[in-house]
N, C-alpha and C. Protein backbone atom coordinates (compact mmCIF):
# COMPACT_ATOMS: atom_id res chain seq x y z
N MET A 1 25.32 -4.21 -5.82
CA MET A 1 24.61 -3.21 -6.32
C MET A 1 25.10 -2.49 -7.25
N ASN A 2 24.37 -1.99 -7.98
CA ASN A 2 25.36 -1.88 -9.81
C ASN A 2 24.87 -0.08 -9.51
N ASP A 3 23.59 0.66 -8.50
CA ASP A 3 23.64 1.88 -8.84
C ASP A 3 23.98 2.35 -7.39
N LYS A 4 23.82 3.70 -7.27
CA LYS A 4 24.17 4.34 -5.28
C LYS A 4 22.23 4.44 -4.90
N ASN A 5 21.38 4.11 -5.57
CA ASN A 5 20.73 4.40 -4.53
C ASN A 5 19.97 2.88 -3.48
N PRO A 6 19.51 3.65 -2.65
CA PRO A 6 18.94 2.33 -1.56
C PRO A 6 17.84 1.31 -2.32
N LYS A 7 17.54 0.33 -1.78
CA LYS A 7 16.73 -0.63 -2.00
C LYS A 7 15.80 -0.36 -0.68
N VAL A 8 14.82 -0.80 -0.90
CA VAL A 8 13.91 -1.24 -0.21
C VAL A 8 13.65 -2.72 0.45
N CYS A 9 13.54 -3.91 1.65
CA CYS A 9 13.15 -4.84 1.24
C CYS A 9 12.78 -5.32 2.71
N LEU A 10 11.85 -6.23 3.30
CA LEU A 10 11.14 -6.34 3.85
C LEU A 10 11.64 -7.63 4.45
N ASN A 11 12.03 -7.61 5.89
CA ASN A 11 12.36 -8.63 6.99
C ASN A 11 11.07 -8.97 8.22
N VAL A 12 10.96 -10.39 7.72
CA VAL A 12 9.76 -10.93 8.45
C VAL A 12 10.23 -11.96 9.42
N LEU A 13 9.59 -11.17 10.64
CA LEU A 13 10.30 -12.08 12.03
C LEU A 13 8.42 -12.94 12.76
N ILE A 14 8.40 -13.92 12.16
CA ILE A 14 7.30 -15.24 12.28
C ILE A 14 6.84 -15.77 13.47
N ILE A 15 6.21 -15.67 13.91
CA ILE A 15 5.38 -16.02 15.37
C ILE A 15 4.41 -17.41 15.42
N ARG A 16 4.68 -18.47 16.00
CA ARG A 16 3.97 -19.36 15.89
C ARG A 16 3.99 -20.23 17.17
N ASN A 17 2.90 -20.58 18.29
CA ASN A 17 3.29 -20.81 19.47
C ASN A 17 4.12 -20.11 20.10
N ASN A 18 3.96 -18.77 20.33
CA ASN A 18 5.35 -18.11 20.90
C ASN A 18 6.08 -18.10 20.99
N LYS A 19 6.89 -18.97 19.59
CA LYS A 19 7.97 -18.99 19.51
C LYS A 19 8.77 -18.45 18.14
N ILE A 20 9.67 -18.28 17.84
CA ILE A 20 10.45 -17.03 16.74
C ILE A 20 11.26 -18.06 16.09
N LEU A 21 11.09 -17.92 14.61
CA LEU A 21 11.25 -18.65 13.22
C LEU A 21 12.50 -17.96 12.64
N LEU A 22 13.76 -18.27 13.00
CA LEU A 22 15.08 -18.01 12.59
C LEU A 22 15.45 -18.69 11.79
N GLY A 23 16.24 -18.56 10.45
CA GLY A 23 16.81 -19.28 9.64
C GLY A 23 18.51 -19.13 9.63
N LEU A 24 18.86 -20.06 9.95
CA LEU A 24 20.54 -20.18 9.33
C LEU A 24 21.03 -19.65 8.07
N LEU A 25 21.65 -18.68 7.55
CA LEU A 25 22.12 -18.78 6.88
C LEU A 25 23.21 -19.11 6.38
N ASN A 26 23.05 -19.98 5.25
CA ASN A 26 24.35 -20.79 5.02
C ASN A 26 25.40 -20.38 4.75
N LYS A 27 26.63 -20.45 4.31
CA LYS A 27 28.10 -20.21 4.18
C LYS A 27 28.56 -19.12 3.17
N ASN A 28 27.63 -18.97 2.17
CA ASN A 28 27.30 -18.14 1.13
C ASN A 28 27.34 -16.63 1.82
N TRP A 29 26.75 -16.64 2.82
CA TRP A 29 26.44 -15.30 3.49
C TRP A 29 26.89 -15.11 5.19
N LEU A 30 28.48 -15.65 4.96
CA LEU A 30 28.65 -15.19 6.75
C LEU A 30 29.15 -13.89 6.32
N TYR A 31 28.74 -13.68 7.66
CA TYR A 31 28.94 -11.81 8.41
C TYR A 31 30.10 -12.40 9.61
N LYS A 32 31.03 -11.37 9.15
CA LYS A 32 32.75 -11.47 9.36
C LYS A 32 32.63 -12.66 9.81
N GLY A 33 32.84 -13.50 9.03
CA GLY A 33 33.26 -14.35 8.58
C GLY A 33 32.67 -15.89 9.41
N LYS A 34 31.54 -15.95 10.04
CA LYS A 34 31.12 -16.42 10.82
C LYS A 34 29.47 -16.55 10.06
N GLN A 35 28.74 -18.41 10.28
CA GLN A 35 27.40 -18.22 10.01
C GLN A 35 26.23 -17.68 11.24
N VAL A 36 25.73 -16.90 10.76
CA VAL A 36 24.81 -16.10 11.17
C VAL A 36 22.77 -16.44 11.22
N TYR A 37 22.13 -16.02 12.12
CA TYR A 37 20.86 -15.98 11.93
C TYR A 37 20.04 -14.99 11.65
N GLY A 38 19.30 -15.08 10.73
CA GLY A 38 18.52 -14.09 10.30
C GLY A 38 16.79 -14.67 10.02
N PHE A 39 16.27 -13.41 9.60
CA PHE A 39 14.58 -13.66 9.44
C PHE A 39 14.37 -13.70 7.80
N PRO A 40 13.47 -14.74 7.37
CA PRO A 40 13.22 -14.07 5.66
C PRO A 40 13.08 -13.11 5.56
N GLY A 41 13.38 -12.69 4.35
CA GLY A 41 13.01 -11.40 3.49
C GLY A 41 13.17 -10.87 2.09
N ARG A 42 13.16 -10.05 1.49
CA ARG A 42 13.35 -10.01 0.23
C ARG A 42 12.76 -8.75 -0.45
N ASP A 43 13.92 -8.18 -1.46
CA ASP A 43 12.87 -6.72 -2.00
C ASP A 43 12.19 -6.52 -2.34
N LEU A 44 11.08 -5.79 -2.07
CA LEU A 44 10.11 -5.20 -2.38
C LEU A 44 9.85 -4.91 -3.63
N LEU A 45 9.00 -5.27 -4.55
CA LEU A 45 9.00 -5.10 -6.01
C LEU A 45 8.55 -3.62 -5.93
N PHE A 46 8.44 -3.29 -7.22
CA PHE A 46 8.24 -1.80 -7.61
C PHE A 46 6.09 -2.11 -7.49
N ARG A 47 5.59 -0.78 -7.08
CA ARG A 47 4.26 -0.89 -6.85
C ARG A 47 3.63 -1.93 -6.16
N GLU A 48 4.57 -2.82 -5.21
CA GLU A 48 4.20 -4.01 -4.20
C GLU A 48 4.00 -3.48 -3.07
N THR A 49 2.52 -3.57 -2.40
CA THR A 49 2.52 -3.21 -1.17
C THR A 49 2.98 -3.85 -0.07
N PHE A 50 3.61 -3.59 1.21
CA PHE A 50 3.81 -4.69 1.94
C PHE A 50 3.08 -5.88 2.03
N GLU A 51 1.93 -5.75 2.43
CA GLU A 51 1.14 -7.48 2.49
C GLU A 51 1.14 -8.13 1.37
N GLU A 52 1.48 -7.58 0.38
CA GLU A 52 1.30 -8.34 -1.04
C GLU A 52 3.13 -8.85 -1.20
N GLY A 53 4.11 -8.25 -0.64
CA GLY A 53 5.82 -8.77 -0.54
C GLY A 53 5.65 -9.77 0.23
N VAL A 54 5.10 -9.51 1.32
CA VAL A 54 5.74 -10.57 2.43
C VAL A 54 4.87 -11.57 2.33
N LYS A 55 3.34 -11.37 1.40
CA LYS A 55 2.94 -12.96 1.22
C LYS A 55 3.58 -13.61 0.16
N ARG A 56 3.82 -12.71 -1.15
CA ARG A 56 5.12 -13.30 -1.99
C ARG A 56 6.43 -13.81 -1.40
N ASP A 57 6.97 -13.30 -0.86
CA ASP A 57 7.93 -13.82 -0.13
C ASP A 57 8.05 -14.99 0.62
N LEU A 58 6.89 -15.26 1.75
CA LEU A 58 6.92 -16.34 2.60
C LEU A 58 6.84 -17.36 1.94
N LYS A 59 5.50 -17.33 0.78
CA LYS A 59 5.42 -18.65 -0.26
C LYS A 59 6.33 -19.06 -0.69
N ASP A 60 7.25 -17.68 -1.71
CA ASP A 60 8.44 -18.32 -2.12
C ASP A 60 9.81 -19.20 -1.43
N GLU A 61 10.02 -18.37 -0.06
CA GLU A 61 10.71 -18.99 0.86
C GLU A 61 10.40 -20.40 1.46
N MET A 62 9.23 -20.81 2.26
CA MET A 62 8.89 -21.14 2.62
C MET A 62 7.45 -22.07 2.48
N ASP A 63 6.63 -21.69 1.42
CA ASP A 63 5.60 -22.57 1.23
C ASP A 63 4.31 -22.57 2.16
N VAL A 64 4.55 -20.86 2.92
CA VAL A 64 3.56 -20.66 3.86
C VAL A 64 2.13 -19.79 3.57
N ASP A 65 1.53 -19.45 4.12
CA ASP A 65 0.64 -18.39 4.11
C ASP A 65 0.49 -17.51 5.05
N VAL A 66 0.69 -16.01 4.57
CA VAL A 66 0.33 -15.36 6.24
C VAL A 66 -1.01 -14.61 6.13
N THR A 67 -1.64 -15.37 7.50
CA THR A 67 -2.74 -14.52 8.03
C THR A 67 -2.61 -13.26 8.90
N LYS A 68 -1.58 -12.76 9.14
CA LYS A 68 -1.88 -11.61 9.96
C LYS A 68 -0.44 -10.46 9.95
N HIS A 69 -0.27 -9.45 9.73
CA HIS A 69 0.76 -8.85 9.71
C HIS A 69 1.02 -7.83 10.62
N LYS A 70 1.57 -7.07 10.97
CA LYS A 70 1.93 -5.70 11.36
C LYS A 70 3.53 -5.48 10.68
N VAL A 71 3.76 -3.88 10.60
CA VAL A 71 4.98 -3.17 10.52
C VAL A 71 5.14 -2.90 12.15
N ILE A 72 7.12 -3.12 12.22
CA ILE A 72 7.18 -2.93 13.68
C ILE A 72 8.53 -1.98 13.44
N SER A 73 9.76 -1.89 12.26
CA SER A 73 10.37 -1.45 12.35
C SER A 73 11.03 -1.16 11.43
N VAL A 74 11.80 0.33 10.85
CA VAL A 74 12.36 0.78 10.13
C VAL A 74 13.51 0.76 9.96
N ASN A 75 14.70 -0.16 9.65
CA ASN A 75 16.12 0.02 10.07
C ASN A 75 17.44 0.17 8.60
N ALA A 76 17.76 0.75 8.36
CA ALA A 76 19.08 0.70 7.54
C ALA A 76 20.00 -0.37 7.45
N ASN A 77 20.25 -0.49 6.39
CA ASN A 77 21.72 -2.04 6.18
C ASN A 77 22.72 -1.74 5.15
N TYR A 78 23.57 -1.41 5.94
CA TYR A 78 24.74 -1.29 4.66
C TYR A 78 25.87 -2.27 4.70
N GLU A 79 25.00 -3.48 4.91
CA GLU A 79 25.97 -4.20 5.27
C GLU A 79 26.19 -5.59 3.75
N TYR A 80 27.08 -6.21 3.37
CA TYR A 80 27.93 -6.68 2.43
C TYR A 80 27.97 -5.59 1.25
N GLY A 81 28.18 -4.51 1.23
CA GLY A 81 28.74 -3.38 0.60
C GLY A 81 26.99 -2.81 -0.51
N ASN A 82 25.72 -2.73 0.37
CA ASN A 82 24.94 -2.96 -0.02
C ASN A 82 23.88 -1.32 0.64
N HIS A 83 23.10 -0.89 0.43
CA HIS A 83 22.61 0.08 1.29
C HIS A 83 20.92 -0.54 1.08
N TYR A 84 20.08 -0.98 1.94
CA TYR A 84 18.85 -1.26 2.02
C TYR A 84 17.92 -0.56 3.57
N ILE A 85 16.76 -0.61 2.93
CA ILE A 85 16.13 0.21 4.14
C ILE A 85 15.21 -0.98 4.31
N GLU A 86 15.34 -1.79 5.41
CA GLU A 86 14.32 -2.55 5.37
C GLU A 86 13.24 -2.06 6.48
N ILE A 87 12.27 -2.98 5.99
CA ILE A 87 10.58 -2.87 6.73
C ILE A 87 10.88 -4.32 8.01
N GLY A 88 10.68 -3.73 9.11
CA GLY A 88 10.06 -5.46 9.90
C GLY A 88 9.17 -4.97 10.10
N ILE A 89 8.51 -6.44 9.63
CA ILE A 89 7.34 -7.14 9.93
C ILE A 89 7.02 -8.22 10.75
N VAL A 90 5.80 -8.12 11.64
CA VAL A 90 5.93 -9.31 12.19
C VAL A 90 4.51 -9.99 11.75
N ALA A 91 4.47 -11.30 12.02
CA ALA A 91 3.78 -12.29 10.87
C ALA A 91 3.35 -13.36 11.79
N GLU A 92 2.25 -13.48 11.10
CA GLU A 92 1.59 -15.01 11.71
C GLU A 92 1.05 -16.04 10.49
N ILE A 93 1.11 -17.12 10.48
CA ILE A 93 1.47 -18.05 9.24
C ILE A 93 0.33 -19.26 9.30
N ASN A 94 0.32 -19.64 8.36
CA ASN A 94 -0.49 -21.27 8.12
C ASN A 94 0.16 -22.04 7.63
N GLY A 95 0.56 -23.41 8.02
CA GLY A 95 1.76 -24.14 6.80
C GLY A 95 2.60 -24.44 7.64
N GLU A 96 3.23 -25.85 6.85
CA GLU A 96 4.19 -26.47 7.57
C GLU A 96 5.57 -25.55 6.53
N ILE A 97 6.90 -25.05 7.60
CA ILE A 97 7.94 -24.83 7.05
C ILE A 97 8.56 -25.21 5.79
N LYS A 98 9.13 -25.61 5.03
CA LYS A 98 9.61 -25.95 4.10
C LYS A 98 10.86 -25.32 3.68
N LEU A 99 12.17 -25.35 3.31
CA LEU A 99 13.25 -25.28 2.75
C LEU A 99 13.13 -24.81 1.62
N LEU A 100 12.82 -23.34 0.73
CA LEU A 100 12.98 -24.07 -0.69
C LEU A 100 14.07 -22.97 -1.01
N LYS A 101 14.61 -22.29 -0.23
CA LYS A 101 16.23 -21.10 -1.10
C LYS A 101 17.16 -21.72 0.07
N PRO A 102 17.53 -23.18 -0.86
CA PRO A 102 19.07 -23.74 0.10
C PRO A 102 20.16 -23.08 -0.07
N LYS A 103 20.34 -22.37 -1.29
CA LYS A 103 20.78 -21.37 -1.56
C LYS A 103 21.36 -19.99 -0.88
N ASP A 104 20.57 -19.80 0.07
CA ASP A 104 20.46 -18.79 1.30
C ASP A 104 20.51 -19.37 2.71
N TRP A 105 19.41 -20.39 2.70
CA TRP A 105 19.45 -20.71 3.76
C TRP A 105 19.75 -22.47 4.45
N GLU A 106 20.56 -22.71 5.58
CA GLU A 106 21.11 -23.87 5.45
C GLU A 106 19.66 -24.46 6.41
N LYS A 107 18.82 -23.62 7.45
CA LYS A 107 17.59 -24.57 7.94
C LYS A 107 17.18 -23.05 9.08
N TRP A 108 15.71 -23.83 8.72
CA TRP A 108 14.93 -23.05 10.16
C TRP A 108 14.30 -23.43 11.10
N GLU A 109 14.62 -22.98 12.41
CA GLU A 109 14.88 -23.46 13.58
C GLU A 109 13.45 -22.85 14.33
N TRP A 110 12.69 -22.99 15.13
CA TRP A 110 11.53 -22.05 16.13
C TRP A 110 12.80 -21.93 17.45
N PHE A 111 12.68 -20.54 18.16
CA PHE A 111 13.59 -20.36 19.21
C PHE A 111 12.35 -19.61 20.30
N ASP A 112 12.38 -20.20 21.44
CA ASP A 112 11.71 -19.85 22.70
C ASP A 112 12.37 -18.15 22.36
N THR A 113 11.64 -16.96 23.26
CA THR A 113 12.26 -15.83 22.91
C THR A 113 13.65 -16.00 24.03
N GLU A 114 13.50 -16.67 25.13
CA GLU A 114 14.81 -16.54 26.41
C GLU A 114 16.12 -17.31 25.55
N LYS A 115 15.57 -18.00 24.40
CA LYS A 115 16.55 -18.81 24.14
C LYS A 115 17.15 -18.32 22.33
N ILE A 116 16.71 -17.26 22.47
CA ILE A 116 17.51 -16.64 21.11
C ILE A 116 19.28 -16.80 20.90
N PRO A 117 19.99 -17.51 19.84
CA PRO A 117 20.93 -17.35 19.70
C PRO A 117 21.46 -16.24 19.43
N LYS A 118 22.83 -15.88 20.13
CA LYS A 118 23.93 -14.55 19.65
C LYS A 118 24.02 -14.13 18.41
N ASN A 119 24.55 -15.17 17.57
CA ASN A 119 24.96 -15.19 16.00
C ASN A 119 23.73 -14.47 14.93
N LEU A 120 23.31 -13.50 15.33
CA LEU A 120 21.70 -12.86 14.01
C LEU A 120 22.99 -11.65 13.84
N PHE A 121 22.28 -11.60 12.31
CA PHE A 121 22.57 -10.40 11.29
C PHE A 121 22.05 -9.21 12.11
N PRO A 122 22.77 -8.48 11.83
CA PRO A 122 23.07 -7.52 12.64
C PRO A 122 21.14 -6.26 12.17
N SER A 123 20.41 -6.64 11.04
CA SER A 123 19.50 -6.05 11.58
C SER A 123 18.60 -6.93 11.88
N ALA A 124 18.08 -8.16 11.99
CA ALA A 124 17.80 -9.15 12.51
C ALA A 124 17.89 -8.61 14.07
N LYS A 125 18.83 -8.62 14.55
CA LYS A 125 18.60 -7.74 15.81
C LYS A 125 18.19 -6.50 16.55
N SER A 126 17.90 -5.98 15.33
CA SER A 126 17.25 -4.58 15.51
C SER A 126 15.94 -5.28 15.29
N LEU A 127 15.60 -6.01 14.46
CA LEU A 127 13.93 -6.18 14.22
C LEU A 127 13.25 -6.89 15.44
N LEU A 128 14.40 -8.04 15.40
CA LEU A 128 13.69 -8.28 17.13
C LEU A 128 13.74 -7.91 18.64
N LYS A 129 14.71 -6.52 18.79
CA LYS A 129 14.65 -6.03 20.54
C LYS A 129 13.76 -5.34 19.86
N CYS A 130 13.07 -4.80 18.54
CA CYS A 130 11.84 -3.88 18.79
C CYS A 130 10.60 -4.55 19.01
N TYR A 131 10.75 -6.40 18.58
CA TYR A 131 9.53 -6.99 18.71
C TYR A 131 9.52 -7.34 20.61
N LEU A 132 10.68 -7.57 20.84
CA LEU A 132 10.85 -7.72 22.23
C LEU A 132 10.57 -6.55 23.21
N GLU A 133 10.62 -5.68 22.65
CA GLU A 133 10.51 -3.93 23.80
C GLU A 133 9.29 -3.95 23.08
N ASN A 134 8.45 -4.47 22.29
CA ASN A 134 7.15 -4.33 22.28
C ASN A 134 6.94 -2.43 21.61
N LYS A 135 7.96 -2.24 20.75
CA LYS A 135 8.08 -0.63 20.26
C LYS A 135 8.39 -0.99 19.14
N VAL A 136 7.59 0.03 18.16
CA VAL A 136 7.98 0.50 16.98
C VAL A 136 9.18 1.25 16.96
N CYS A 137 10.72 0.78 15.84
CA CYS A 137 11.70 1.27 16.20
C CYS A 137 12.15 2.04 15.07
N VAL A 138 12.68 2.67 14.77
CA VAL A 138 13.72 3.39 13.45
C VAL A 138 14.57 3.48 13.79
N SER A 139 16.04 3.01 13.14
CA SER A 139 17.37 3.01 13.31
C SER A 139 17.73 3.44 12.19
N GLU A 140 19.10 4.11 12.36
CA GLU A 140 19.75 4.45 11.07
C GLU A 140 21.41 3.28 10.57
């Protein structure tokens, strides 16, 4: 990050058939020396609505269409020397997941809520907690 201002990004928790989609970040994005799982998400563009951002991001990252979305969290992320304000969104989609960003993601996997891997990126943990506890969360 070149400037000293925080950026805003979207993290999207996708639900299908009562399963949660997680992506294994590739080795370019190790967290504390280990590969971790996360949710798709990118920077929100200037004058872009949350809905527009979610639709653009999921189309770009996996070629799917968003049918429904809801904001459930706001988190601060300071990892990798960044400062992001992350808007957590739960979404439903149509389409088959494709791996379109192999420089970021190694694979996409569906998980039952009882079988979520422990190696989650911190902001993914926060968003998942909000979803599983069925409440809106704000963390710093």
